[in-house]
Amino acid sequence: MRALRNGLRPILCAAICLFGIAVAIPPCQAATLLDVPLKPWTYFETNRDWLYTDIEKLVTAGVVGPWVLNTKPMSRIEMARIVSLAIRKIREDEIGRFTHRSDLEPLLYRLMEELAPELDALGVGRPGGGAGLAWLSLQPLWKVQARGAWAQDAVTPENNQGLRLNSGFSGLLDFSSWLQVGDFLSGYIHPEFQVDEDDYQGRIVEGYLKLKVWNLSLLAGRESVWWGPGYHGSMLFSNNAPPLNQIRIETAEPIVFPWIFRYLGPTRLELLYARLESERDVPNAMVGAWRVNMTPLPFFEFGFARTVQFGGDGRASLNPIDYLLVLFVSSDDPNSKYNTNQIYSIDGTLRLHDVDRILPLSRDLTLYAEMGVDDTCCESVFWPFKPGYLVGAYFPNLFRRETSDLRIEWAQTTSFSYTNSIYRNGYSYKGFSIGHYIGARGQDLYVRITERLRPNLSLVTEFGYAKVGSTNIQQVRLPREELYYTGAQLTWQPIPALSLFLGYRYQKTNNVDFVDGKEETNNIVQFGITYSFPVWETGQIGRPSPKATEGN
């Protein structure tokens, strides 16, 4: 009863907050609800869509003001609202604050071209307001991607939504489709077919329905989630594992609370429940998680999140209220239904613009950090016991050149990270860590340099060192896989709808499969083509002009 009383209080507060959000916040303007995927369809980025990086550059430059960026995925309409705000501020710049930022022009043109339907719905550049939406928008084929890969030995690329490549040649075919009904319902599906020298298989990588009521959205289906500021990994959720089957409720766009709470700045709230696979130590275990992400200052973003692994076959049965209580109540009794695998994270990001006045290395600068704590309390009053952490720096215009950027990131986890004595497979899904790909006792150093040789031609070079551990508690003390890798990737977009890419990675691995002394050298070549189809629409009102949808 004591646990019940303690748990009901935060649940009641959360319910009041959600009700207040739904009633008090004005509805979002009509536009598609589709999320920008955490998949690099054009490969201008490695593990997510290029829109995320360009939006980050725009916000870091100080043109937009405070905005929440570290809870992903973001919707296309939210990104369009960021672009529209930047355009308005630049047009209304009476003191000439942004006149020296001509480097943002190519970036803004790319974003305006890609987000043209959403910007049209918001009325950007159109007298008299937005054009509205067709009552029905249907895209049977949106993006089609054909890829080929050759690997000297079998490899599992990190942050690739559970992709595994066998040795030899592999071929992959992906496509995506979507449906939009009015301004309140979206559907999305992304199948993938893979064939190699020994086998062939297909899977639905992502597929969901998303419903919006006022400024709340409800998603049911399968989708990659990324919580935190990291680029090469995240403590709680990343796209390393296959996307989870989930139900997620969230604020459709950041909100500003009234009264003194307005000082929290734009705030995003998110609640998630997902079911894990049946072939594990505790079949059909559940994952519940919540996140609060806010921007109290124009240059500072803060986030706090907690995830709980609970339930499953053979554990104590749960009633409906227990699904809420487990997010806030814990117990040390091994037989209690509140004995769960708990992880929480705290992250912060500094976005500083025009730092070239004192630091000529870059015009803008982003510094970020995240701490992850797993099933432990405090080593002292002020610091948790054995936390994992991630720190990084991003230079979006290296040497003041808008065509170059540099990212450096370091992450480290401990023997506590992602492990649990009851859920012995740990915080994993289908053999992949749900959080950072390095697992328990891991380390990761990642360096990425991007150079835009031309507006439609990009060269990326990567360097990395990692120690990768297992999340299985019985394997935590085994030798960790030790990786050294370097690679390059060339992406060319001859026309807005067509992208071509070619990539190579050299990778050396020690202690392969956690076997001490087992070594392996791997050469991996990937190549592919992506075509983006114009939008097909039916309906009678608000028909945006057909445009290629990947106009990077």
Protein backbone atom coordinates (compact mmCIF):
# COMPACT_ATOMS: atom_id res chain seq x y z
CA MET A 1 0.00 0.00 0.00
CA ARG A 2 2.86 2.34 0.73
CA ALA A 3 4.32 1.73 -2.72
CA LEU A 4 0.86 2.25 -4.19
CA ARG A 5 0.41 5.62 -2.45
CA ASN A 6 3.88 6.79 -3.43
CA GLY A 7 3.30 5.77 -7.02
CA LEU A 8 -0.15 7.32 -7.42
CA ARG A 9 1.09 10.83 -6.65
CA PRO A 10 3.35 11.23 -9.70
CA ILE A 11 0.78 9.44 -11.86
CA LEU A 12 -1.90 11.90 -10.76
CA CYS A 13 0.43 14.82 -11.46
CA ALA A 14 1.25 13.40 -14.89
CA ALA A 15 -2.44 12.94 -15.70
CA ILE A 16 -3.20 16.55 -14.70
CA CYS A 17 -0.31 17.79 -16.86
CA LEU A 18 -1.49 15.80 -19.89
CA PHE A 19 -5.05 17.05 -19.46
CA GLY A 20 -3.79 20.62 -19.19
CA ILE A 21 -1.72 20.21 -22.33
CA ALA A 22 -4.66 18.84 -24.29
CA VAL A 23 -7.08 21.57 -23.19
CA ALA A 24 -4.93 24.68 -22.80
CA ILE A 25 -2.50 24.43 -25.72
CA PRO A 26 -3.78 25.64 -29.10
CA PRO A 27 -4.06 22.97 -31.81
CA CYS A 28 -1.11 22.59 -34.18
CA GLN A 29 -1.63 23.97 -37.67
CA ALA A 30 -2.73 21.49 -40.32
CA ALA A 31 0.05 19.53 -42.03
CA THR A 32 1.36 16.00 -42.26
CA LEU A 33 2.11 14.17 -39.03
CA LEU A 34 4.83 12.00 -40.54
CA ASP A 35 8.04 11.66 -38.56
CA VAL A 36 11.41 12.26 -40.16
CA PRO A 37 12.92 8.75 -40.05
CA LEU A 38 16.09 7.75 -38.24
CA LYS A 39 17.27 6.09 -41.42
CA PRO A 40 19.73 7.65 -43.90
CA TRP A 41 17.73 7.27 -47.10
CA THR A 42 20.15 9.45 -49.08
CA TYR A 43 23.26 8.73 -46.97
CA PHE A 44 24.20 12.39 -46.63
CA GLU A 45 24.20 11.29 -42.98
CA THR A 46 25.31 7.97 -41.51
CA ASN A 47 22.57 6.89 -39.09
CA ARG A 48 19.69 9.34 -39.54
CA ASP A 49 18.05 11.62 -42.10
CA TRP A 50 20.05 14.67 -43.20
CA LEU A 51 17.21 16.96 -42.06
CA TYR A 52 18.20 16.47 -38.41
CA THR A 53 21.70 17.81 -39.00
CA ASP A 54 20.57 20.83 -41.03
CA ILE A 55 17.93 21.72 -38.43
CA GLU A 56 20.58 21.41 -35.71
CA LYS A 57 22.84 23.79 -37.63
CA LEU A 58 20.02 26.30 -38.01
CA VAL A 59 19.14 26.28 -34.30
CA THR A 60 22.79 26.40 -33.23
CA ALA A 61 23.33 29.51 -35.39
CA GLY A 62 20.95 31.38 -33.06
CA VAL A 63 18.43 32.28 -35.75
CA VAL A 64 15.49 30.34 -34.32
CA GLY A 65 15.74 30.80 -30.56
CA PRO A 66 15.18 28.01 -28.01
CA TRP A 67 13.89 24.72 -29.37
CA VAL A 68 13.88 21.07 -28.26
CA LEU A 69 16.00 18.87 -30.56
CA ASN A 70 17.24 15.96 -28.44
CA THR A 71 14.04 13.88 -28.47
CA LYS A 72 13.77 12.08 -31.80
CA PRO A 73 12.05 11.38 -34.09
CA MET A 74 10.69 14.82 -34.91
CA SER A 75 7.79 15.36 -37.28
CA ARG A 76 8.11 17.08 -40.63
CA ILE A 77 5.65 19.78 -39.60
CA GLU A 78 7.73 20.60 -36.51
CA MET A 79 10.84 20.98 -38.64
CA ALA A 80 8.87 23.17 -41.06
CA ARG A 81 7.81 25.37 -38.15
CA ILE A 82 11.49 25.82 -37.18
CA VAL A 83 12.34 26.83 -40.76
CA SER A 84 9.38 29.23 -40.96
CA LEU A 85 10.45 30.87 -37.69
CA ALA A 86 13.98 31.32 -39.01
CA ILE A 87 12.69 32.87 -42.22
CA ARG A 88 10.45 35.29 -40.31
CA LYS A 89 13.23 36.36 -37.94
CA ILE A 90 15.65 36.97 -40.80
CA ARG A 91 13.05 39.03 -42.69
CA GLU A 92 12.24 41.08 -39.59
CA ASP A 93 15.88 41.58 -38.62
CA GLU A 94 15.82 45.33 -38.12
CA ILE A 95 19.21 45.59 -36.43
CA GLY A 96 21.02 43.50 -39.02
CA ARG A 97 21.98 40.78 -36.56
CA PHE A 98 21.90 38.04 -39.18
CA THR A 99 23.25 39.89 -42.19
CA HIS A 100 26.70 38.37 -41.68
CA ARG A 101 25.29 34.82 -41.76
CA SER A 102 25.17 34.37 -45.52
CA ASP A 103 26.51 30.86 -44.88
CA LEU A 104 22.98 29.85 -43.84
CA GLU A 105 21.47 30.54 -47.26
CA PRO A 106 22.30 27.16 -48.90
CA LEU A 107 21.09 25.37 -45.77
CA LEU A 108 17.78 27.28 -45.76
CA TYR A 109 17.22 26.61 -49.47
CA ARG A 110 17.73 22.87 -48.92
CA LEU A 111 15.28 22.83 -46.02
CA MET A 112 12.70 24.92 -47.88
CA GLU A 113 12.83 22.62 -50.88
CA GLU A 114 12.49 19.43 -48.84
CA LEU A 115 9.78 20.75 -46.51
CA ALA A 116 7.86 22.64 -49.20
CA PRO A 117 4.48 20.89 -48.64
CA GLU A 118 4.59 21.57 -44.89
CA LEU A 119 5.78 25.15 -45.35
CA ASP A 120 2.97 25.66 -47.86
CA ALA A 121 0.45 24.42 -45.28
CA LEU A 122 1.91 26.91 -42.77
CA GLY A 123 1.48 29.75 -45.28
CA VAL A 124 5.16 30.60 -45.59
CA GLY A 125 5.55 32.85 -48.60
CA ARG A 126 1.83 32.75 -49.34
CA PRO A 127 -0.38 35.84 -48.76
CA GLY A 128 -3.43 35.17 -46.67
CA GLY A 129 -2.14 32.19 -44.74
CA GLY A 130 -1.78 28.46 -45.28
CA ALA A 131 -3.20 26.48 -48.15
CA GLY A 132 -4.62 23.71 -45.98
CA LEU A 133 -4.41 20.02 -46.78
CA ALA A 134 -6.09 17.66 -49.17
CA TRP A 135 -8.60 15.49 -47.32
CA LEU A 136 -6.60 12.49 -48.39
CA SER A 137 -2.92 12.25 -49.32
CA LEU A 138 -1.58 8.89 -50.44
CA GLN A 139 1.96 7.97 -51.43
CA PRO A 140 2.16 4.29 -52.50
CA LEU A 141 5.86 4.73 -53.26
CA TRP A 142 7.73 7.53 -51.55
CA LYS A 143 11.35 6.46 -51.41
CA VAL A 144 12.92 3.39 -53.00
CA GLN A 145 16.46 2.36 -52.11
CA ALA A 146 18.52 -0.45 -53.62
CA ARG A 147 21.77 -1.29 -51.87
CA GLY A 148 24.59 -3.72 -52.35
CA ALA A 149 27.27 -4.71 -49.85
CA TRP A 150 30.34 -6.90 -49.80
CA ALA A 151 31.95 -7.91 -46.51
CA GLN A 152 35.05 -9.99 -46.08
CA ASP A 153 33.54 -11.43 -42.89
CA ALA A 154 30.11 -11.22 -41.32
CA VAL A 155 29.53 -7.84 -39.68
CA THR A 156 26.86 -6.04 -37.65
CA PRO A 157 27.02 -2.30 -38.51
CA GLU A 158 26.20 -0.14 -35.50
CA ASN A 159 23.09 2.05 -35.46
CA ASN A 160 21.50 0.35 -38.47
CA GLN A 161 18.13 -0.76 -37.07
CA GLY A 162 19.25 -4.34 -36.43
CA LEU A 163 20.95 -4.95 -39.78
CA ARG A 164 23.34 -7.89 -40.08
CA LEU A 165 25.55 -8.56 -43.12
CA ASN A 166 26.88 -12.03 -43.82
CA SER A 167 30.26 -12.54 -45.48
CA GLY A 168 30.29 -12.14 -49.24
CA PHE A 169 27.74 -10.20 -51.25
CA SER A 170 24.39 -8.98 -49.94
CA GLY A 171 21.61 -7.08 -51.64
CA LEU A 172 18.95 -4.98 -49.94
CA LEU A 173 15.81 -3.34 -51.26
CA ASP A 174 13.90 -0.80 -49.13
CA PHE A 175 10.90 1.33 -49.90
CA SER A 176 8.53 3.51 -47.92
CA SER A 177 4.87 4.51 -48.29
CA TRP A 178 2.60 6.81 -46.36
CA LEU A 179 -0.98 7.91 -45.94
CA GLN A 180 -2.41 11.14 -44.53
CA VAL A 181 -6.07 11.70 -43.65
CA GLY A 182 -6.95 15.33 -43.03
CA ASP A 183 -4.74 16.83 -40.35
CA PHE A 184 -5.30 14.18 -37.70
CA LEU A 185 -4.10 10.77 -38.95
CA SER A 186 -0.92 9.52 -40.64
CA GLY A 187 0.28 6.07 -41.57
CA TYR A 188 3.78 4.99 -42.59
CA ILE A 189 5.38 1.70 -43.63
CA HIS A 190 8.97 0.78 -44.49
CA PRO A 191 9.63 -2.83 -45.62
CA GLU A 192 13.09 -4.21 -46.33
CA PHE A 193 14.16 -7.27 -48.32
CA GLN A 194 17.62 -8.75 -47.95
CA VAL A 195 19.30 -11.49 -49.99
CA ASP A 196 22.81 -12.92 -49.79
CA GLU A 197 24.65 -15.98 -51.04
CA ASP A 198 22.99 -18.30 -48.50
CA ASP A 199 19.58 -16.90 -47.64
CA TYR A 200 16.91 -14.28 -48.24
CA GLN A 201 14.50 -12.62 -45.83
CA GLY A 202 12.09 -9.73 -45.50
CA ARG A 203 10.96 -7.62 -42.57
CA ILE A 204 8.89 -4.55 -41.78
CA VAL A 205 11.54 -2.21 -40.44
CA GLU A 206 9.07 0.52 -39.45
CA GLY A 207 5.32 0.87 -39.68
CA TYR A 208 2.90 2.94 -37.60
CA LEU A 209 -0.34 4.85 -37.36
CA LYS A 210 -0.19 8.28 -35.73
CA LEU A 211 -3.21 10.17 -34.43
CA LYS A 212 -3.19 13.81 -33.31
CA VAL A 213 -5.70 15.45 -30.96
CA TRP A 214 -4.95 19.09 -30.10
CA ASN A 215 -1.23 19.07 -29.33
CA LEU A 216 -1.07 15.43 -28.29
CA SER A 217 -0.10 12.65 -30.68
CA LEU A 218 -0.61 8.93 -30.18
CA LEU A 219 1.53 6.50 -32.16
CA ALA A 220 0.97 2.75 -32.38
CA GLY A 221 3.34 0.56 -34.33
CA ARG A 222 7.06 0.15 -34.89
CA GLU A 223 9.52 3.03 -35.08
CA SER A 224 13.10 3.86 -34.10
CA VAL A 225 13.46 6.24 -31.15
CA TRP A 226 16.51 8.29 -30.16
CA TRP A 227 16.61 10.05 -26.79
CA GLY A 228 19.62 12.25 -26.10
CA PRO A 229 22.11 14.58 -27.79
CA GLY A 230 24.59 11.95 -29.04
CA TYR A 231 25.24 11.25 -32.72
CA HIS A 232 26.97 7.86 -32.55
CA GLY A 233 25.06 6.49 -29.57
CA SER A 234 22.61 7.21 -26.79
CA MET A 235 22.23 5.89 -23.26
CA LEU A 236 18.55 4.88 -23.36
CA PHE A 237 17.23 4.65 -26.92
CA SER A 238 19.06 4.60 -30.24
CA ASN A 239 18.48 3.06 -33.66
CA ASN A 240 21.05 0.33 -33.01
CA ALA A 241 18.43 -2.36 -32.33
CA PRO A 242 15.48 -3.15 -34.60
CA PRO A 243 12.65 -0.66 -33.95
CA LEU A 244 10.44 -1.71 -31.04
CA ASN A 245 6.73 -2.48 -31.30
CA GLN A 246 5.35 0.33 -29.18
CA ILE A 247 2.61 2.67 -28.10
CA ARG A 248 3.81 6.23 -27.64
CA ILE A 249 2.04 9.37 -26.50
CA GLU A 250 3.78 12.72 -26.74
CA THR A 251 3.38 16.42 -27.27
CA ALA A 252 3.09 16.88 -31.01
CA GLU A 253 5.28 19.98 -30.76
CA PRO A 254 7.11 21.62 -27.84
CA ILE A 255 4.87 23.56 -25.50
CA VAL A 256 5.41 26.52 -23.17
CA PHE A 257 3.71 26.16 -19.81
CA PRO A 258 1.91 29.14 -18.25
CA TRP A 259 2.75 31.08 -15.08
CA ILE A 260 6.23 30.67 -13.58
CA PHE A 261 6.67 27.41 -15.48
CA ARG A 262 7.16 29.41 -18.65
CA TYR A 263 10.79 29.79 -17.56
CA LEU A 264 11.26 26.12 -18.43
CA GLY A 265 11.04 27.23 -22.05
CA PRO A 266 9.77 25.01 -24.89
CA THR A 267 9.15 21.58 -23.37
CA ARG A 268 8.49 18.15 -24.85
CA LEU A 269 6.92 15.26 -22.91
CA GLU A 270 6.93 11.66 -24.07
CA LEU A 271 5.63 8.34 -22.70
CA LEU A 272 6.36 4.96 -24.30
CA TYR A 273 5.48 1.29 -23.81
CA ALA A 274 7.01 -1.51 -25.87
CA ARG A 275 7.06 -5.32 -25.83
CA LEU A 276 10.29 -7.27 -26.29
CA GLU A 277 10.66 -10.54 -28.19
CA SER A 278 9.50 -13.97 -26.98
CA GLU A 279 12.86 -15.72 -27.56
CA ARG A 280 14.75 -14.43 -24.53
CA ASP A 281 15.34 -15.37 -20.91
CA VAL A 282 12.09 -13.69 -19.79
CA PRO A 283 9.81 -13.92 -22.84
CA ASN A 284 7.65 -10.94 -23.77
CA ALA A 285 9.13 -8.60 -21.17
CA MET A 286 7.94 -5.01 -21.37
CA VAL A 287 9.74 -1.69 -21.56
CA GLY A 288 8.12 1.48 -20.23
CA ALA A 289 9.79 4.86 -20.49
CA TRP A 290 9.16 8.56 -20.12
CA ARG A 291 11.17 11.66 -21.01
CA VAL A 292 11.02 15.38 -20.24
CA ASN A 293 13.05 17.63 -22.53
CA MET A 294 13.18 21.42 -22.15
CA THR A 295 15.10 24.49 -23.31
CA PRO A 296 15.11 27.04 -20.45
CA LEU A 297 17.67 29.25 -22.22
CA PRO A 298 18.16 29.99 -25.92
CA PHE A 299 21.55 28.27 -25.81
CA PHE A 300 20.86 25.45 -23.32
CA GLU A 301 18.77 22.28 -23.64
CA PHE A 302 18.18 19.86 -20.77
CA GLY A 303 16.62 16.41 -20.67
CA PHE A 304 15.73 13.75 -18.11
CA ALA A 305 14.45 10.28 -18.93
CA ARG A 306 13.77 6.96 -17.26
CA THR A 307 13.16 3.51 -18.71
CA VAL A 308 11.94 0.40 -16.88
CA GLN A 309 12.12 -3.21 -18.02
CA PHE A 310 9.30 -5.15 -16.34
CA GLY A 311 6.78 -7.97 -16.59
CA GLY A 312 7.11 -10.88 -18.99
CA ASP A 313 6.15 -14.55 -18.92
CA GLY A 314 6.74 -16.15 -15.53
CA ARG A 315 6.71 -12.85 -13.63
CA ALA A 316 3.89 -11.67 -11.37
CA SER A 317 0.78 -10.67 -13.29
CA LEU A 318 0.04 -6.98 -13.75
CA ASN A 319 -3.23 -5.09 -13.58
CA PRO A 320 -3.77 -1.92 -15.64
CA ILE A 321 -2.68 0.46 -12.86
CA ASP A 322 0.58 -1.48 -12.47
CA TYR A 323 1.68 -0.42 -15.94
CA LEU A 324 1.81 3.14 -14.60
CA LEU A 325 3.13 2.30 -11.16
CA VAL A 326 6.21 0.45 -12.46
CA LEU A 327 7.45 3.70 -13.98
CA PHE A 328 7.74 5.29 -10.52
CA VAL A 329 7.77 2.45 -7.93
CA SER A 330 10.60 0.00 -7.28
CA SER A 331 11.21 -2.93 -4.94
CA ASP A 332 14.23 -5.02 -3.92
CA ASP A 333 12.11 -8.16 -3.46
CA PRO A 334 13.04 -10.54 -6.35
CA ASN A 335 9.47 -11.88 -6.43
CA SER A 336 7.79 -8.47 -6.53
CA LYS A 337 6.27 -7.22 -9.76
CA TYR A 338 7.96 -3.91 -8.96
CA ASN A 339 11.42 -5.51 -9.06
CA THR A 340 12.46 -4.12 -12.43
CA ASN A 341 15.47 -3.19 -14.52
CA GLN A 342 15.68 0.59 -14.23
CA ILE A 343 17.84 3.02 -16.17
CA TYR A 344 17.70 6.78 -16.13
CA SER A 345 19.61 9.44 -17.99
CA ILE A 346 20.34 13.15 -17.68
CA ASP A 347 21.60 15.14 -20.64
CA GLY A 348 22.49 18.71 -21.45
CA THR A 349 23.46 20.62 -24.59
CA LEU A 350 25.10 24.02 -25.09
CA ARG A 351 24.57 25.62 -28.51
CA LEU A 352 26.83 28.63 -28.97
CA HIS A 353 26.75 30.82 -32.08
CA ASP A 354 29.35 33.21 -33.47
CA VAL A 355 32.12 31.81 -31.27
CA ASP A 356 34.64 32.55 -34.05
CA ARG A 357 35.23 35.88 -32.36
CA ILE A 358 37.19 34.02 -29.70
CA LEU A 359 37.60 30.54 -31.25
CA PRO A 360 38.56 30.68 -34.94
CA LEU A 361 38.14 26.91 -35.28
CA SER A 362 34.43 27.21 -35.99
CA ARG A 363 31.75 29.87 -36.39
CA ASP A 364 29.28 27.95 -34.18
CA LEU A 365 29.81 25.26 -31.54
CA THR A 366 27.71 22.58 -29.86
CA LEU A 367 28.87 20.88 -26.64
CA TYR A 368 26.81 18.06 -25.16
CA ALA A 369 26.91 15.43 -22.46
CA GLU A 370 24.71 12.58 -21.20
CA MET A 371 24.92 10.43 -18.09
CA GLY A 372 23.24 7.03 -17.83
CA VAL A 373 22.67 5.24 -14.51
CA ASP A 374 21.49 1.63 -14.29
CA ASP A 375 19.88 0.06 -11.18
CA THR A 376 22.06 1.91 -8.70
CA CYS A 377 21.62 4.59 -6.13
CA CYS A 378 24.18 7.13 -5.04
CA GLU A 379 27.86 6.77 -4.32
CA SER A 380 27.52 10.04 -2.45
CA VAL A 381 24.81 12.61 -1.93
CA PHE A 382 25.69 14.30 -5.21
CA TRP A 383 26.84 11.53 -7.54
CA PRO A 384 25.37 8.12 -8.58
CA PHE A 385 27.29 4.88 -8.34
CA LYS A 386 29.10 3.75 -11.52
CA PRO A 387 27.37 5.93 -14.14
CA GLY A 388 27.99 5.62 -17.85
CA TYR A 389 28.47 8.81 -19.79
CA LEU A 390 28.77 10.36 -23.22
CA VAL A 391 30.39 13.68 -24.18
CA GLY A 392 30.75 15.31 -27.56
CA ALA A 393 31.58 18.44 -29.52
CA TYR A 394 30.17 19.47 -32.88
CA PHE A 395 31.70 22.15 -35.11
CA PRO A 396 29.05 22.78 -37.80
CA ASN A 397 31.19 25.18 -39.86
CA LEU A 398 34.77 24.08 -39.39
CA PHE A 399 37.35 26.84 -40.00
CA ARG A 400 34.36 29.13 -40.68
CA ARG A 401 33.57 27.21 -43.87
CA GLU A 402 29.89 26.40 -44.35
CA THR A 403 30.85 23.31 -46.38
CA SER A 404 32.82 21.58 -43.59
CA ASP A 405 31.91 20.19 -40.19
CA LEU A 406 33.57 18.09 -37.52
CA ARG A 407 32.12 15.92 -34.76
CA ILE A 408 34.05 14.25 -31.92
CA GLU A 409 32.28 11.98 -29.44
CA TRP A 410 33.34 9.76 -26.54
CA ALA A 411 31.16 7.32 -24.60
CA GLN A 412 31.84 4.89 -21.77
CA THR A 413 29.62 2.42 -19.91
CA THR A 414 30.20 0.29 -16.81
CA SER A 415 29.56 -3.29 -15.75
CA PHE A 416 26.16 -2.14 -14.40
CA SER A 417 25.06 -0.65 -17.70
CA TYR A 418 22.19 -2.47 -19.43
CA THR A 419 22.44 -5.56 -17.17
CA ASN A 420 20.08 -7.08 -14.62
CA SER A 421 20.02 -10.24 -12.49
CA ILE A 422 16.38 -11.03 -13.34
CA TYR A 423 16.37 -9.97 -16.99
CA ARG A 424 19.64 -11.74 -17.75
CA ASN A 425 19.66 -10.82 -21.44
CA GLY A 426 19.79 -7.23 -20.24
CA TYR A 427 18.48 -4.15 -21.92
CA SER A 428 18.49 -5.63 -25.41
CA TYR A 429 16.17 -6.57 -28.27
CA LYS A 430 16.87 -9.47 -30.63
CA GLY A 431 20.51 -9.51 -29.54
CA PHE A 432 21.10 -5.75 -30.00
CA SER A 433 21.60 -3.21 -27.24
CA ILE A 434 18.60 -0.86 -27.16
CA GLY A 435 20.78 1.96 -25.84
CA HIS A 436 24.38 2.56 -26.88
CA TYR A 437 25.73 -0.15 -29.16
CA ILE A 438 28.83 -0.65 -26.96
CA GLY A 439 26.76 -2.49 -24.31
CA ALA A 440 28.22 -3.10 -20.83
CA ARG A 441 31.81 -2.12 -19.98
CA GLY A 442 32.03 -0.41 -23.35
CA GLN A 443 34.01 2.47 -24.76
CA ASP A 444 33.57 4.42 -27.97
CA LEU A 445 35.64 7.16 -29.61
CA TYR A 446 34.13 8.49 -32.82
CA VAL A 447 35.41 11.20 -35.17
CA ARG A 448 33.49 12.32 -38.25
CA ILE A 449 34.49 14.92 -40.84
CA THR A 450 32.07 16.04 -43.54
CA GLU A 451 33.01 18.10 -46.58
CA ARG A 452 30.49 19.41 -49.12
CA LEU A 453 32.62 19.32 -52.25
CA ARG A 454 29.65 20.75 -54.14
CA PRO A 455 26.07 21.48 -53.05
CA ASN A 456 25.03 18.03 -54.30
CA LEU A 457 28.26 16.15 -53.55
CA SER A 458 29.39 15.16 -50.05
CA LEU A 459 32.47 13.33 -48.76
CA VAL A 460 32.45 11.85 -45.24
CA THR A 461 35.43 10.35 -43.44
CA GLU A 462 35.09 8.45 -40.15
CA PHE A 463 37.55 7.19 -37.58
CA GLY A 464 36.73 5.15 -34.53
CA TYR A 465 37.88 2.97 -31.67
CA ALA A 466 35.49 0.94 -29.56
CA LYS A 467 35.29 -1.75 -26.92
CA VAL A 468 31.98 -3.57 -27.13
CA GLY A 469 30.59 -5.68 -24.28
CA SER A 470 27.55 -7.91 -23.96
CA THR A 471 24.37 -6.91 -22.10
CA ASN A 472 23.93 -10.53 -20.94
CA ILE A 473 24.82 -10.60 -17.25
CA GLN A 474 26.47 -14.02 -17.65
CA GLN A 475 28.86 -12.61 -20.26
CA VAL A 476 29.75 -9.27 -18.68
CA ARG A 477 33.15 -10.48 -17.51
CA LEU A 478 34.13 -11.99 -20.86
CA PRO A 479 36.76 -10.17 -22.96
CA ARG A 480 35.26 -7.25 -24.84
CA GLU A 481 35.41 -6.97 -28.60
CA GLU A 482 37.97 -4.33 -29.51
CA LEU A 483 37.35 -2.47 -32.78
CA TYR A 484 39.56 -0.17 -34.83
CA TYR A 485 37.97 1.24 -37.96
CA THR A 486 38.22 3.94 -40.58
CA GLY A 487 36.08 4.62 -43.59
CA ALA A 488 34.89 7.05 -46.22
CA GLN A 489 31.60 7.65 -47.96
CA LEU A 490 30.77 9.60 -51.10
CA THR A 491 27.21 10.76 -51.80
CA TRP A 492 26.10 12.43 -55.03
CA GLN A 493 22.70 13.83 -55.91
CA PRO A 494 22.65 14.51 -59.68
CA ILE A 495 18.97 15.57 -59.52
CA PRO A 496 16.85 16.33 -56.43
CA ALA A 497 15.01 13.00 -56.62
CA LEU A 498 18.05 10.75 -57.11
CA SER A 499 20.91 9.96 -54.70
CA LEU A 500 23.90 7.70 -55.27
CA PHE A 501 26.33 6.61 -52.58
CA LEU A 502 29.52 4.58 -52.25
CA GLY A 503 31.14 3.68 -48.93
CA TYR A 504 34.13 1.74 -47.67
CA ARG A 505 35.20 0.73 -44.16
CA TYR A 506 38.32 -1.05 -42.94
CA GLN A 507 37.78 -2.68 -39.56
CA LYS A 508 40.06 -4.70 -37.31
CA THR A 509 38.49 -6.64 -34.42
CA ASN A 510 40.20 -8.29 -31.46
CA ASN A 511 38.41 -10.81 -29.21
CA VAL A 512 35.79 -11.57 -31.87
CA ASP A 513 32.53 -12.89 -30.32
CA PHE A 514 34.12 -12.27 -26.88
CA VAL A 515 36.72 -15.02 -27.46
CA ASP A 516 40.08 -13.97 -26.04
CA GLY A 517 42.75 -13.64 -28.74
CA LYS A 518 40.46 -14.25 -31.71
CA GLU A 519 41.26 -11.63 -34.35
CA GLU A 520 39.59 -10.59 -37.57
CA THR A 521 40.25 -8.05 -40.31
CA ASN A 522 37.31 -6.91 -42.36
CA ASN A 523 36.86 -4.87 -45.52
CA ILE A 524 33.32 -3.65 -46.15
CA VAL A 525 32.07 -1.99 -49.33
CA GLN A 526 28.55 -0.57 -49.66
CA PHE A 527 26.91 1.12 -52.62
CA GLY A 528 23.37 2.09 -53.50
CA ILE A 529 20.81 4.28 -55.16
CA THR A 530 17.76 6.06 -53.73
CA TYR A 531 14.91 7.53 -55.74
CA SER A 532 12.24 9.79 -54.22
CA PHE A 533 8.90 9.93 -56.00
CA PRO A 534 6.75 13.07 -56.30
CA VAL A 535 3.82 13.23 -53.91
CA TRP A 536 0.55 11.82 -55.24
CA GLU A 537 -2.57 13.39 -53.78
CA THR A 538 -6.35 13.08 -54.01
CA GLY A 539 -8.83 15.52 -52.55
CA GLN A 540 -10.43 18.85 -53.22
CA ILE A 541 -8.65 21.40 -51.02
CA GLY A 542 -5.11 22.51 -50.41
CA ARG A 543 -3.21 20.48 -53.01
CA PRO A 544 0.50 21.33 -52.74
CA SER A 545 2.46 21.16 -55.97
CA PRO A 546 4.13 17.78 -56.58
CA LYS A 547 7.75 17.93 -55.53
CA ALA A 548 10.54 15.44 -55.11
CA THR A 549 10.71 14.77 -51.43
CA GLU A 550 14.44 14.39 -50.86
CA GLY A 551 15.68 17.68 -52.23
CA ASN A 552 19.00 17.81 -50.42
